Amino acid sequence: MAFAGTSEEKTRTEVRRTEIKPTVRYQFDRSLRPGAIRKIQDGTVGTVEKTFVVIYVNEQPVEYKLVSETKTPAKDTVFLISRAGYPTSRGSFVRGSVINMSASAYDPNPRGGSGRTKLGHRAGFGHVAVDPRIVPLGSLLYIEGYGFALASDTGGAIKGKKIDLCYDSRARAFSFGRRKVTVHVLKSAS
C-alpha cells in the first residue's frame, strides 16, 4: 500500500500487435481473353508486433521503452487481367474499390452529338459513361467481361451505380443489352 506523498513504481512487459491489411494488385496476362480476370494468389494479413517495457507510477504509465519489433509482411491478393479496352501503360495496378453496377452499352456514332466524351476524348471502345459522384471522371477501370476502360463521359440516364460501356459498333452495343458487371477502380502501383 502506498502512503500519502509516496509513489509506487512497477515495471511490466507489454506486447502490442497491429494488423497490416493486404492490398489487391492486378497484373497483365496476354493469354487471357478480353475482359477476363483470374485470381492467382490469395492475400494474407501481416502483423507488426512491438514489445515494450512500461514503467507505471501509481498505476499510471509514465514511460515506454521499445524492446523489440517484429514484422510479418502482408501478402497481396493478385489477379491476372487482360489488356483489352482502353490502352494502358505497362505496369501493375492496385485496387481502389470494387463496385457492382448495372451496365448498358452505346456505340460512338454521334447521331446529333459531338462524338466526344465529357473529357474531350473521341468516343470509342474503352471509354465509359459514369455518375461522377460514384466513379470520378478520369478514373482507370477494369470491367469484368469488357476490359480496361477510362471513366471519361457522363449521361443523362447514368445515375448512381450505372455505367454505359462504349462499343465500336451499334450491333455490338445492341447485343450487349443490359447486365450486371463488376467494376474495379484502379490506381497505379508505382
N, C-alpha and C. Protein backbone atom coordinates (compact mmCIF):
# COMPACT_ATOMS: atom_id res chain seq x y z
N MET A 1 0.84 -1.19 0.00
CA MET A 1 0.00 0.00 0.00
C MET A 1 0.88 1.24 0.00
N ALA A 2 0.55 2.20 -0.83
CA ALA A 2 1.33 3.43 -0.91
C ALA A 2 0.80 4.43 0.11
N PHE A 3 1.70 5.14 0.77
CA PHE A 3 1.31 6.16 1.74
C PHE A 3 1.19 7.49 1.02
N ALA A 4 0.41 8.42 1.61
CA ALA A 4 0.25 9.75 1.02
C ALA A 4 1.60 10.39 0.83
N GLY A 5 1.82 10.93 -0.36
CA GLY A 5 3.07 11.59 -0.65
C GLY A 5 4.14 10.66 -1.18
N THR A 6 3.88 9.34 -1.22
CA THR A 6 4.86 8.40 -1.78
C THR A 6 4.32 7.87 -3.10
N SER A 7 5.19 7.35 -3.88
CA SER A 7 4.76 6.79 -5.16
C SER A 7 5.18 5.34 -5.24
N GLU A 8 4.36 4.59 -5.90
CA GLU A 8 4.62 3.16 -6.08
C GLU A 8 4.97 2.93 -7.55
N GLU A 9 6.16 2.36 -7.81
CA GLU A 9 6.63 2.16 -9.18
C GLU A 9 6.65 0.67 -9.50
N LYS A 10 6.11 0.34 -10.69
CA LYS A 10 6.11 -1.04 -11.16
C LYS A 10 6.58 -1.06 -12.61
N THR A 11 7.15 -2.18 -13.02
CA THR A 11 7.58 -2.36 -14.40
C THR A 11 6.85 -3.58 -14.97
N ARG A 12 6.29 -3.41 -16.17
CA ARG A 12 5.59 -4.51 -16.84
C ARG A 12 6.08 -4.60 -18.28
N THR A 13 5.97 -5.81 -18.83
CA THR A 13 6.26 -6.02 -20.25
C THR A 13 4.93 -6.13 -20.97
N GLU A 14 4.76 -5.36 -22.04
CA GLU A 14 3.51 -5.37 -22.82
C GLU A 14 3.84 -5.60 -24.29
N VAL A 15 2.96 -6.36 -24.93
CA VAL A 15 3.11 -6.64 -26.36
C VAL A 15 1.91 -6.04 -27.08
N ARG A 16 2.17 -5.30 -28.14
CA ARG A 16 1.10 -4.70 -28.95
C ARG A 16 1.22 -5.21 -30.38
N ARG A 17 0.09 -5.67 -30.91
CA ARG A 17 0.06 -6.19 -32.29
C ARG A 17 -0.83 -5.30 -33.14
N THR A 18 -0.34 -5.01 -34.32
CA THR A 18 -1.10 -4.24 -35.29
C THR A 18 -1.18 -5.04 -36.59
N GLU A 19 -2.36 -5.10 -37.19
CA GLU A 19 -2.52 -5.82 -38.46
C GLU A 19 -2.11 -4.95 -39.63
N ILE A 20 -1.52 -5.58 -40.64
CA ILE A 20 -1.22 -4.93 -41.91
C ILE A 20 -2.13 -5.58 -42.94
N LYS A 21 -3.05 -4.79 -43.49
CA LYS A 21 -4.00 -5.33 -44.46
C LYS A 21 -3.32 -5.56 -45.80
N PRO A 22 -3.66 -6.67 -46.46
CA PRO A 22 -3.08 -6.91 -47.79
C PRO A 22 -3.73 -6.00 -48.82
N THR A 23 -2.99 -5.68 -49.86
CA THR A 23 -3.57 -4.93 -50.97
C THR A 23 -3.98 -5.91 -52.07
N VAL A 24 -4.70 -5.40 -53.04
CA VAL A 24 -5.10 -6.20 -54.19
C VAL A 24 -4.36 -5.61 -55.39
N ARG A 25 -3.59 -6.44 -56.09
CA ARG A 25 -2.83 -6.00 -57.25
C ARG A 25 -3.35 -6.69 -58.51
N TYR A 26 -3.19 -6.01 -59.63
CA TYR A 26 -3.59 -6.53 -60.93
C TYR A 26 -2.37 -6.56 -61.82
N GLN A 27 -2.19 -7.65 -62.55
CA GLN A 27 -1.07 -7.77 -63.48
C GLN A 27 -1.61 -8.22 -64.84
N PHE A 28 -0.96 -7.73 -65.90
CA PHE A 28 -1.38 -8.09 -67.25
C PHE A 28 -0.99 -9.52 -67.59
N ASP A 29 -1.85 -10.18 -68.37
CA ASP A 29 -1.56 -11.51 -68.88
C ASP A 29 -2.15 -11.59 -70.29
N ARG A 30 -1.29 -11.71 -71.28
CA ARG A 30 -1.74 -11.73 -72.67
C ARG A 30 -2.52 -13.00 -73.04
N SER A 31 -2.40 -14.05 -72.22
CA SER A 31 -3.07 -15.30 -72.55
C SER A 31 -4.56 -15.29 -72.20
N LEU A 32 -5.02 -14.30 -71.46
CA LEU A 32 -6.44 -14.25 -71.08
C LEU A 32 -7.26 -13.62 -72.19
N ARG A 33 -8.49 -14.08 -72.32
CA ARG A 33 -9.40 -13.50 -73.32
C ARG A 33 -9.77 -12.08 -72.88
N PRO A 34 -10.19 -11.21 -73.80
CA PRO A 34 -10.54 -9.83 -73.44
C PRO A 34 -11.59 -9.78 -72.34
N GLY A 35 -11.34 -8.94 -71.36
CA GLY A 35 -12.27 -8.76 -70.25
C GLY A 35 -12.18 -9.81 -69.16
N ALA A 36 -11.28 -10.79 -69.32
CA ALA A 36 -11.17 -11.87 -68.33
C ALA A 36 -10.31 -11.44 -67.15
N ILE A 37 -10.60 -12.05 -66.01
CA ILE A 37 -9.84 -11.79 -64.79
C ILE A 37 -9.70 -13.12 -64.07
N ARG A 38 -8.51 -13.38 -63.48
CA ARG A 38 -8.29 -14.64 -62.77
C ARG A 38 -7.43 -14.38 -61.55
N LYS A 39 -7.89 -14.86 -60.40
CA LYS A 39 -7.11 -14.71 -59.17
C LYS A 39 -6.04 -15.79 -59.15
N ILE A 40 -4.77 -15.37 -58.89
CA ILE A 40 -3.68 -16.35 -58.83
C ILE A 40 -3.06 -16.44 -57.44
N GLN A 41 -3.42 -15.51 -56.56
CA GLN A 41 -2.85 -15.55 -55.21
C GLN A 41 -3.82 -14.90 -54.24
N ASP A 42 -4.12 -15.62 -53.16
CA ASP A 42 -4.93 -15.06 -52.08
C ASP A 42 -4.02 -14.27 -51.15
N GLY A 43 -4.52 -13.14 -50.69
CA GLY A 43 -3.75 -12.31 -49.77
C GLY A 43 -3.84 -12.82 -48.34
N THR A 44 -2.85 -12.47 -47.55
CA THR A 44 -2.87 -12.78 -46.13
C THR A 44 -2.53 -11.52 -45.35
N VAL A 45 -3.06 -11.43 -44.14
CA VAL A 45 -2.83 -10.29 -43.27
C VAL A 45 -1.45 -10.40 -42.65
N GLY A 46 -0.73 -9.29 -42.60
CA GLY A 46 0.57 -9.24 -41.93
C GLY A 46 0.41 -8.64 -40.54
N THR A 47 1.48 -8.65 -39.77
CA THR A 47 1.43 -8.08 -38.43
C THR A 47 2.71 -7.32 -38.10
N VAL A 48 2.57 -6.37 -37.20
CA VAL A 48 3.70 -5.71 -36.56
C VAL A 48 3.51 -5.96 -35.08
N GLU A 49 4.50 -6.59 -34.46
CA GLU A 49 4.43 -6.90 -33.03
C GLU A 49 5.54 -6.14 -32.33
N LYS A 50 5.16 -5.26 -31.39
CA LYS A 50 6.12 -4.46 -30.63
C LYS A 50 6.05 -4.86 -29.16
N THR A 51 7.22 -5.09 -28.57
CA THR A 51 7.31 -5.42 -27.16
C THR A 51 7.89 -4.21 -26.42
N PHE A 52 7.20 -3.76 -25.39
CA PHE A 52 7.60 -2.61 -24.60
C PHE A 52 7.83 -3.02 -23.15
N VAL A 53 8.75 -2.33 -22.49
CA VAL A 53 8.84 -2.35 -21.04
C VAL A 53 8.19 -1.04 -20.62
N VAL A 54 7.14 -1.14 -19.78
CA VAL A 54 6.37 0.04 -19.38
C VAL A 54 6.58 0.26 -17.88
N ILE A 55 6.93 1.48 -17.54
CA ILE A 55 7.08 1.85 -16.13
C ILE A 55 5.81 2.56 -15.70
N TYR A 56 5.21 2.02 -14.63
CA TYR A 56 3.99 2.58 -14.06
C TYR A 56 4.32 3.23 -12.72
N VAL A 57 3.79 4.39 -12.49
CA VAL A 57 3.88 5.05 -11.19
C VAL A 57 2.45 5.26 -10.72
N ASN A 58 2.12 4.69 -9.55
CA ASN A 58 0.76 4.75 -9.01
C ASN A 58 -0.27 4.28 -10.05
N GLU A 59 0.07 3.16 -10.68
CA GLU A 59 -0.80 2.51 -11.67
C GLU A 59 -1.02 3.33 -12.94
N GLN A 60 -0.25 4.39 -13.17
CA GLN A 60 -0.34 5.19 -14.38
C GLN A 60 0.94 4.99 -15.20
N PRO A 61 0.82 4.67 -16.50
CA PRO A 61 2.03 4.51 -17.31
C PRO A 61 2.74 5.86 -17.48
N VAL A 62 4.04 5.87 -17.23
CA VAL A 62 4.80 7.11 -17.37
C VAL A 62 5.93 7.02 -18.38
N GLU A 63 6.35 5.79 -18.71
CA GLU A 63 7.44 5.66 -19.68
C GLU A 63 7.32 4.33 -20.42
N TYR A 64 7.52 4.40 -21.74
CA TYR A 64 7.50 3.22 -22.60
C TYR A 64 8.88 3.07 -23.24
N LYS A 65 9.45 1.88 -23.14
CA LYS A 65 10.74 1.60 -23.78
C LYS A 65 10.52 0.44 -24.75
N LEU A 66 10.77 0.70 -26.03
CA LEU A 66 10.63 -0.34 -27.05
C LEU A 66 11.79 -1.31 -26.91
N VAL A 67 11.45 -2.60 -26.71
CA VAL A 67 12.46 -3.64 -26.54
C VAL A 67 12.71 -4.36 -27.86
N SER A 68 11.62 -4.69 -28.58
CA SER A 68 11.78 -5.39 -29.87
C SER A 68 10.58 -5.10 -30.77
N GLU A 69 10.83 -5.30 -32.05
CA GLU A 69 9.78 -5.12 -33.06
C GLU A 69 9.94 -6.20 -34.11
N THR A 70 8.85 -6.92 -34.38
CA THR A 70 8.87 -7.98 -35.37
C THR A 70 7.78 -7.70 -36.40
N LYS A 71 8.15 -7.76 -37.68
CA LYS A 71 7.18 -7.54 -38.76
C LYS A 71 7.02 -8.81 -39.57
N THR A 72 5.77 -9.15 -39.82
CA THR A 72 5.43 -10.21 -40.76
C THR A 72 4.67 -9.52 -41.88
N PRO A 73 5.26 -9.39 -43.08
CA PRO A 73 4.60 -8.63 -44.13
C PRO A 73 3.31 -9.29 -44.62
N ALA A 74 2.39 -8.44 -45.05
CA ALA A 74 1.16 -8.93 -45.66
C ALA A 74 1.49 -9.47 -47.05
N LYS A 75 0.73 -10.44 -47.50
CA LYS A 75 0.89 -10.98 -48.86
C LYS A 75 -0.29 -10.47 -49.68
N ASP A 76 0.01 -9.85 -50.82
CA ASP A 76 -1.03 -9.26 -51.67
C ASP A 76 -1.91 -10.31 -52.33
N THR A 77 -3.17 -9.96 -52.56
CA THR A 77 -4.03 -10.74 -53.43
C THR A 77 -3.68 -10.30 -54.85
N VAL A 78 -3.46 -11.25 -55.75
CA VAL A 78 -3.02 -10.91 -57.11
C VAL A 78 -4.01 -11.48 -58.13
N PHE A 79 -4.45 -10.62 -59.04
CA PHE A 79 -5.33 -11.00 -60.14
C PHE A 79 -4.58 -10.80 -61.45
N LEU A 80 -4.78 -11.71 -62.39
CA LEU A 80 -4.31 -11.52 -63.76
C LEU A 80 -5.46 -10.94 -64.55
N ILE A 81 -5.16 -9.96 -65.42
CA ILE A 81 -6.19 -9.32 -66.23
C ILE A 81 -5.69 -9.19 -67.66
N SER A 82 -6.64 -9.15 -68.59
CA SER A 82 -6.27 -8.99 -70.00
C SER A 82 -6.12 -7.50 -70.32
N ARG A 83 -5.56 -7.20 -71.49
CA ARG A 83 -5.31 -5.81 -71.86
C ARG A 83 -6.42 -5.18 -72.70
N ALA A 84 -7.45 -5.90 -73.05
CA ALA A 84 -8.46 -5.34 -73.95
C ALA A 84 -9.11 -4.11 -73.35
N GLY A 85 -9.54 -3.21 -74.20
CA GLY A 85 -10.21 -1.99 -73.75
C GLY A 85 -9.33 -0.78 -73.91
N TYR A 86 -9.46 0.16 -73.02
CA TYR A 86 -8.70 1.40 -73.06
C TYR A 86 -7.20 1.09 -72.98
N PRO A 87 -6.38 1.70 -73.85
CA PRO A 87 -4.94 1.41 -73.81
C PRO A 87 -4.31 1.92 -72.52
N THR A 88 -3.48 1.10 -71.90
CA THR A 88 -2.81 1.48 -70.66
C THR A 88 -1.32 1.28 -70.81
N SER A 89 -0.59 1.91 -69.94
CA SER A 89 0.86 1.70 -69.95
C SER A 89 1.17 0.38 -69.27
N ARG A 90 2.40 -0.07 -69.41
CA ARG A 90 2.82 -1.29 -68.73
C ARG A 90 2.85 -1.03 -67.23
N GLY A 91 2.82 -2.09 -66.47
CA GLY A 91 2.89 -1.96 -65.02
C GLY A 91 1.78 -2.72 -64.36
N SER A 92 1.74 -2.61 -63.05
CA SER A 92 0.67 -3.27 -62.33
C SER A 92 -0.14 -2.21 -61.59
N PHE A 93 -1.30 -2.61 -61.16
CA PHE A 93 -2.24 -1.69 -60.54
C PHE A 93 -2.71 -2.26 -59.22
N VAL A 94 -3.13 -1.37 -58.34
CA VAL A 94 -3.76 -1.79 -57.10
C VAL A 94 -5.21 -1.33 -57.13
N ARG A 95 -6.02 -2.05 -56.39
CA ARG A 95 -7.46 -1.77 -56.41
C ARG A 95 -7.79 -0.65 -55.43
N GLY A 96 -8.56 0.32 -55.93
CA GLY A 96 -9.09 1.36 -55.07
C GLY A 96 -10.39 0.90 -54.46
N SER A 97 -11.27 0.34 -55.27
CA SER A 97 -12.55 -0.18 -54.79
C SER A 97 -13.14 -1.09 -55.86
N VAL A 98 -14.16 -1.85 -55.47
CA VAL A 98 -14.90 -2.71 -56.40
C VAL A 98 -16.37 -2.35 -56.25
N ILE A 99 -17.03 -2.11 -57.39
CA ILE A 99 -18.43 -1.71 -57.37
C ILE A 99 -19.21 -2.62 -58.31
N ASN A 100 -20.31 -3.17 -57.83
CA ASN A 100 -21.23 -3.91 -58.70
C ASN A 100 -22.17 -2.90 -59.31
N MET A 101 -22.25 -2.89 -60.65
CA MET A 101 -23.01 -1.85 -61.34
C MET A 101 -23.94 -2.47 -62.39
N SER A 102 -24.94 -1.70 -62.74
CA SER A 102 -25.85 -2.06 -63.82
C SER A 102 -25.30 -1.42 -65.09
N ALA A 103 -25.02 -2.25 -66.11
CA ALA A 103 -24.37 -1.74 -67.32
C ALA A 103 -25.30 -1.76 -68.53
N SER A 104 -25.14 -0.75 -69.34
CA SER A 104 -25.77 -0.70 -70.66
C SER A 104 -24.64 -0.40 -71.64
N ALA A 105 -24.94 -0.36 -72.92
CA ALA A 105 -23.90 -0.13 -73.91
C ALA A 105 -24.37 0.87 -74.95
N TYR A 106 -23.41 1.56 -75.56
CA TYR A 106 -23.72 2.50 -76.64
C TYR A 106 -22.65 2.41 -77.70
N ASP A 107 -22.97 2.94 -78.88
CA ASP A 107 -21.96 2.98 -79.93
C ASP A 107 -21.51 4.42 -80.11
N PRO A 108 -20.33 4.66 -80.65
CA PRO A 108 -19.78 6.01 -80.71
C PRO A 108 -20.35 6.90 -81.81
N ASN A 109 -21.28 6.40 -82.61
CA ASN A 109 -21.88 7.22 -83.66
C ASN A 109 -22.58 8.40 -83.01
N PRO A 110 -22.17 9.63 -83.34
CA PRO A 110 -22.68 10.79 -82.62
C PRO A 110 -24.18 11.07 -82.75
N ARG A 111 -24.84 10.73 -83.85
CA ARG A 111 -26.28 10.98 -84.04
C ARG A 111 -26.78 12.22 -83.28
N GLY A 112 -26.31 13.35 -83.65
CA GLY A 112 -26.74 14.59 -83.02
C GLY A 112 -25.78 15.04 -81.93
N GLY A 113 -24.84 14.19 -81.53
CA GLY A 113 -23.85 14.57 -80.52
C GLY A 113 -22.54 14.91 -81.20
N SER A 114 -21.53 15.14 -80.42
CA SER A 114 -20.23 15.54 -80.96
C SER A 114 -19.32 14.36 -81.26
N GLY A 115 -19.63 13.17 -80.71
CA GLY A 115 -18.75 12.03 -80.86
C GLY A 115 -17.57 12.11 -79.90
N ARG A 116 -17.62 13.06 -78.99
CA ARG A 116 -16.58 13.26 -77.98
C ARG A 116 -17.15 13.00 -76.59
N THR A 117 -16.28 12.54 -75.70
CA THR A 117 -16.71 12.32 -74.32
C THR A 117 -16.63 13.62 -73.53
N LYS A 118 -17.13 13.60 -72.34
CA LYS A 118 -17.11 14.79 -71.46
C LYS A 118 -15.68 15.28 -71.25
N LEU A 119 -14.70 14.35 -71.22
CA LEU A 119 -13.29 14.73 -71.04
C LEU A 119 -12.61 15.11 -72.36
N GLY A 120 -13.36 15.09 -73.48
CA GLY A 120 -12.82 15.51 -74.77
C GLY A 120 -12.20 14.42 -75.61
N HIS A 121 -12.27 13.18 -75.16
CA HIS A 121 -11.74 12.06 -75.95
C HIS A 121 -12.73 11.69 -77.05
N ARG A 122 -12.21 11.12 -78.14
CA ARG A 122 -13.10 10.59 -79.17
C ARG A 122 -13.76 9.34 -78.59
N ALA A 123 -15.08 9.28 -78.62
CA ALA A 123 -15.81 8.13 -78.08
C ALA A 123 -15.42 6.87 -78.85
N GLY A 124 -15.20 5.81 -78.14
CA GLY A 124 -14.82 4.54 -78.74
C GLY A 124 -14.69 3.48 -77.67
N PHE A 125 -14.40 2.25 -78.11
CA PHE A 125 -14.27 1.14 -77.18
C PHE A 125 -13.24 1.48 -76.11
N GLY A 126 -13.58 1.26 -74.86
CA GLY A 126 -12.69 1.56 -73.76
C GLY A 126 -13.03 2.86 -73.03
N HIS A 127 -14.00 3.59 -73.54
CA HIS A 127 -14.48 4.79 -72.85
C HIS A 127 -15.87 4.48 -72.30
N VAL A 128 -16.11 4.90 -71.06
CA VAL A 128 -17.39 4.60 -70.43
C VAL A 128 -17.97 5.85 -69.78
N ALA A 129 -19.29 5.84 -69.67
CA ALA A 129 -20.00 6.93 -69.01
C ALA A 129 -20.38 6.47 -67.60
N VAL A 130 -20.15 7.36 -66.63
CA VAL A 130 -20.41 7.04 -65.22
C VAL A 130 -21.09 8.23 -64.55
N ASP A 131 -21.57 7.99 -63.35
CA ASP A 131 -22.04 9.07 -62.48
C ASP A 131 -20.81 9.52 -61.69
N PRO A 132 -20.33 10.75 -61.90
CA PRO A 132 -19.09 11.18 -61.23
C PRO A 132 -19.17 11.21 -59.70
N ARG A 133 -20.37 11.13 -59.14
CA ARG A 133 -20.50 11.05 -57.68
C ARG A 133 -20.11 9.66 -57.19
N ILE A 134 -20.20 8.65 -58.06
CA ILE A 134 -19.87 7.26 -57.71
C ILE A 134 -18.45 6.92 -58.17
N VAL A 135 -18.13 7.24 -59.43
CA VAL A 135 -16.81 6.98 -60.01
C VAL A 135 -16.31 8.31 -60.58
N PRO A 136 -15.24 8.86 -60.03
CA PRO A 136 -14.73 10.14 -60.54
C PRO A 136 -14.32 10.06 -62.01
N LEU A 137 -14.64 11.10 -62.77
CA LEU A 137 -14.19 11.17 -64.16
C LEU A 137 -12.67 11.10 -64.19
N GLY A 138 -12.13 10.41 -65.18
CA GLY A 138 -10.70 10.23 -65.30
C GLY A 138 -10.19 8.97 -64.62
N SER A 139 -11.06 8.25 -63.91
CA SER A 139 -10.63 7.02 -63.22
C SER A 139 -10.35 5.92 -64.23
N LEU A 140 -9.28 5.14 -63.96
CA LEU A 140 -8.98 3.96 -64.76
C LEU A 140 -9.75 2.80 -64.14
N LEU A 141 -10.46 2.07 -64.97
CA LEU A 141 -11.32 0.98 -64.50
C LEU A 141 -10.95 -0.33 -65.19
N TYR A 142 -11.23 -1.42 -64.51
CA TYR A 142 -11.19 -2.73 -65.15
C TYR A 142 -12.57 -3.32 -64.96
N ILE A 143 -13.27 -3.58 -66.05
CA ILE A 143 -14.64 -4.07 -66.01
C ILE A 143 -14.63 -5.52 -66.46
N GLU A 144 -15.03 -6.41 -65.56
CA GLU A 144 -15.03 -7.84 -65.89
C GLU A 144 -15.96 -8.08 -67.07
N GLY A 145 -15.45 -8.78 -68.08
CA GLY A 145 -16.20 -9.06 -69.29
C GLY A 145 -16.05 -8.00 -70.36
N TYR A 146 -15.37 -6.89 -70.06
CA TYR A 146 -15.19 -5.79 -71.01
C TYR A 146 -13.71 -5.45 -71.17
N GLY A 147 -13.01 -5.26 -70.06
CA GLY A 147 -11.59 -4.92 -70.10
C GLY A 147 -11.33 -3.58 -69.45
N PHE A 148 -10.17 -2.99 -69.79
CA PHE A 148 -9.82 -1.68 -69.25
C PHE A 148 -10.72 -0.62 -69.84
N ALA A 149 -10.99 0.39 -69.03
CA ALA A 149 -11.81 1.49 -69.51
C ALA A 149 -11.41 2.76 -68.77
N LEU A 150 -11.70 3.89 -69.40
CA LEU A 150 -11.49 5.18 -68.79
C LEU A 150 -12.86 5.79 -68.54
N ALA A 151 -13.10 6.22 -67.30
CA ALA A 151 -14.35 6.91 -66.97
C ALA A 151 -14.24 8.32 -67.54
N SER A 152 -14.72 8.47 -68.77
CA SER A 152 -14.48 9.73 -69.48
C SER A 152 -15.75 10.45 -69.91
N ASP A 153 -16.92 9.90 -69.56
CA ASP A 153 -18.15 10.52 -70.03
C ASP A 153 -19.23 10.41 -68.96
N THR A 154 -20.28 11.19 -69.15
CA THR A 154 -21.46 11.14 -68.29
C THR A 154 -22.67 10.98 -69.20
N GLY A 155 -23.81 10.76 -68.63
CA GLY A 155 -25.03 10.64 -69.43
C GLY A 155 -26.24 10.97 -68.58
N GLY A 156 -27.27 11.46 -69.22
CA GLY A 156 -28.48 11.85 -68.51
C GLY A 156 -29.11 10.71 -67.73
N ALA A 157 -29.03 9.49 -68.25
CA ALA A 157 -29.64 8.34 -67.59
C ALA A 157 -28.66 7.60 -66.69
N ILE A 158 -27.41 8.05 -66.66
CA ILE A 158 -26.38 7.34 -65.88
C ILE A 158 -26.30 8.00 -64.51
N LYS A 159 -27.11 7.48 -63.60
CA LYS A 159 -27.17 8.00 -62.23
C LYS A 159 -26.97 6.85 -61.26
N GLY A 160 -26.23 7.09 -60.20
CA GLY A 160 -25.98 6.06 -59.20
C GLY A 160 -25.03 5.01 -59.73
N LYS A 161 -25.29 3.77 -59.39
CA LYS A 161 -24.40 2.67 -59.76
C LYS A 161 -24.75 2.12 -61.14
N LYS A 162 -24.74 3.01 -62.13
CA LYS A 162 -24.96 2.63 -63.53
C LYS A 162 -23.73 3.02 -64.32
N ILE A 163 -23.46 2.25 -65.36
CA ILE A 163 -22.32 2.52 -66.23
C ILE A 163 -22.74 2.23 -67.67
N ASP A 164 -22.28 3.04 -68.61
CA ASP A 164 -22.60 2.88 -70.02
C ASP A 164 -21.29 2.60 -70.76
N LEU A 165 -21.18 1.42 -71.35
CA LEU A 165 -19.95 0.97 -72.00
C LEU A 165 -19.99 1.30 -73.48
N CYS A 166 -18.95 1.91 -73.98
CA CYS A 166 -18.89 2.22 -75.41
C CYS A 166 -18.33 1.03 -76.17
N TYR A 167 -19.04 0.62 -77.23
CA TYR A 167 -18.57 -0.43 -78.14
C TYR A 167 -18.28 0.20 -79.48
N ASP A 168 -17.59 -0.55 -80.35
CA ASP A 168 -17.17 0.01 -81.63
C ASP A 168 -18.22 -0.06 -82.72
N SER A 169 -19.39 -0.62 -82.42
CA SER A 169 -20.46 -0.64 -83.43
C SER A 169 -21.82 -0.70 -82.73
N ARG A 170 -22.83 -0.27 -83.46
CA ARG A 170 -24.20 -0.29 -82.93
C ARG A 170 -24.64 -1.74 -82.68
N ALA A 171 -24.24 -2.66 -83.55
CA ALA A 171 -24.64 -4.07 -83.41
C ALA A 171 -24.07 -4.68 -82.13
N ARG A 172 -22.80 -4.41 -81.84
CA ARG A 172 -22.19 -4.94 -80.61
C ARG A 172 -22.82 -4.33 -79.37
N ALA A 173 -23.10 -3.04 -79.43
CA ALA A 173 -23.74 -2.38 -78.28
C ALA A 173 -25.14 -2.96 -78.06
N PHE A 174 -25.88 -3.17 -79.14
CA PHE A 174 -27.23 -3.70 -79.04
C PHE A 174 -27.21 -5.13 -78.49
N SER A 175 -26.24 -5.94 -78.92
CA SER A 175 -26.18 -7.33 -78.46
C SER A 175 -25.77 -7.42 -76.98
N PHE A 176 -25.09 -6.39 -76.48
CA PHE A 176 -24.71 -6.38 -75.06
C PHE A 176 -25.95 -6.27 -74.18
N GLY A 177 -26.88 -5.40 -74.59
CA GLY A 177 -28.11 -5.21 -73.81
C GLY A 177 -27.82 -4.55 -72.48
N ARG A 178 -28.44 -5.08 -71.43
CA ARG A 178 -28.21 -4.60 -70.06
C ARG A 178 -27.83 -5.79 -69.21
N ARG A 179 -26.87 -5.60 -68.34
CA ARG A 179 -26.47 -6.68 -67.44
C ARG A 179 -25.70 -6.10 -66.26
N LYS A 180 -25.50 -6.92 -65.26
CA LYS A 180 -24.71 -6.54 -64.09
C LYS A 180 -23.24 -6.79 -64.39
N VAL A 181 -22.38 -5.86 -63.98
CA VAL A 181 -20.95 -6.02 -64.16
C VAL A 181 -20.23 -5.67 -62.86
N THR A 182 -19.03 -6.22 -62.71
CA THR A 182 -18.18 -5.88 -61.58
C THR A 182 -17.11 -4.92 -62.08
N VAL A 183 -17.03 -3.75 -61.45
CA VAL A 183 -16.12 -2.69 -61.86
C VAL A 183 -15.03 -2.53 -60.80
N HIS A 184 -13.78 -2.67 -61.22
CA HIS A 184 -12.64 -2.48 -60.34
C HIS A 184 -12.06 -1.09 -60.63
N VAL A 185 -12.07 -0.21 -59.64
CA VAL A 185 -11.46 1.12 -59.79
C VAL A 185 -9.99 0.95 -59.43
N LEU A 186 -9.11 1.35 -60.35
CA LEU A 186 -7.67 1.06 -60.22
C LEU A 186 -6.84 2.29 -59.94
N LYS A 187 -5.69 2.04 -59.32
CA LYS A 187 -4.66 3.06 -59.11
C LYS A 187 -3.34 2.44 -59.52
N SER A 188 -2.44 3.25 -60.06
CA SER A 188 -1.13 2.72 -60.46
C SER A 188 -0.39 2.25 -59.22
N ALA A 189 0.28 1.10 -59.33
CA ALA A 189 1.02 0.54 -58.19
C ALA A 189 2.33 1.26 -57.94
N SER A 190 2.77 2.07 -58.89
CA SER A 190 4.07 2.75 -58.71
C SER A 190 3.94 4.05 -57.97
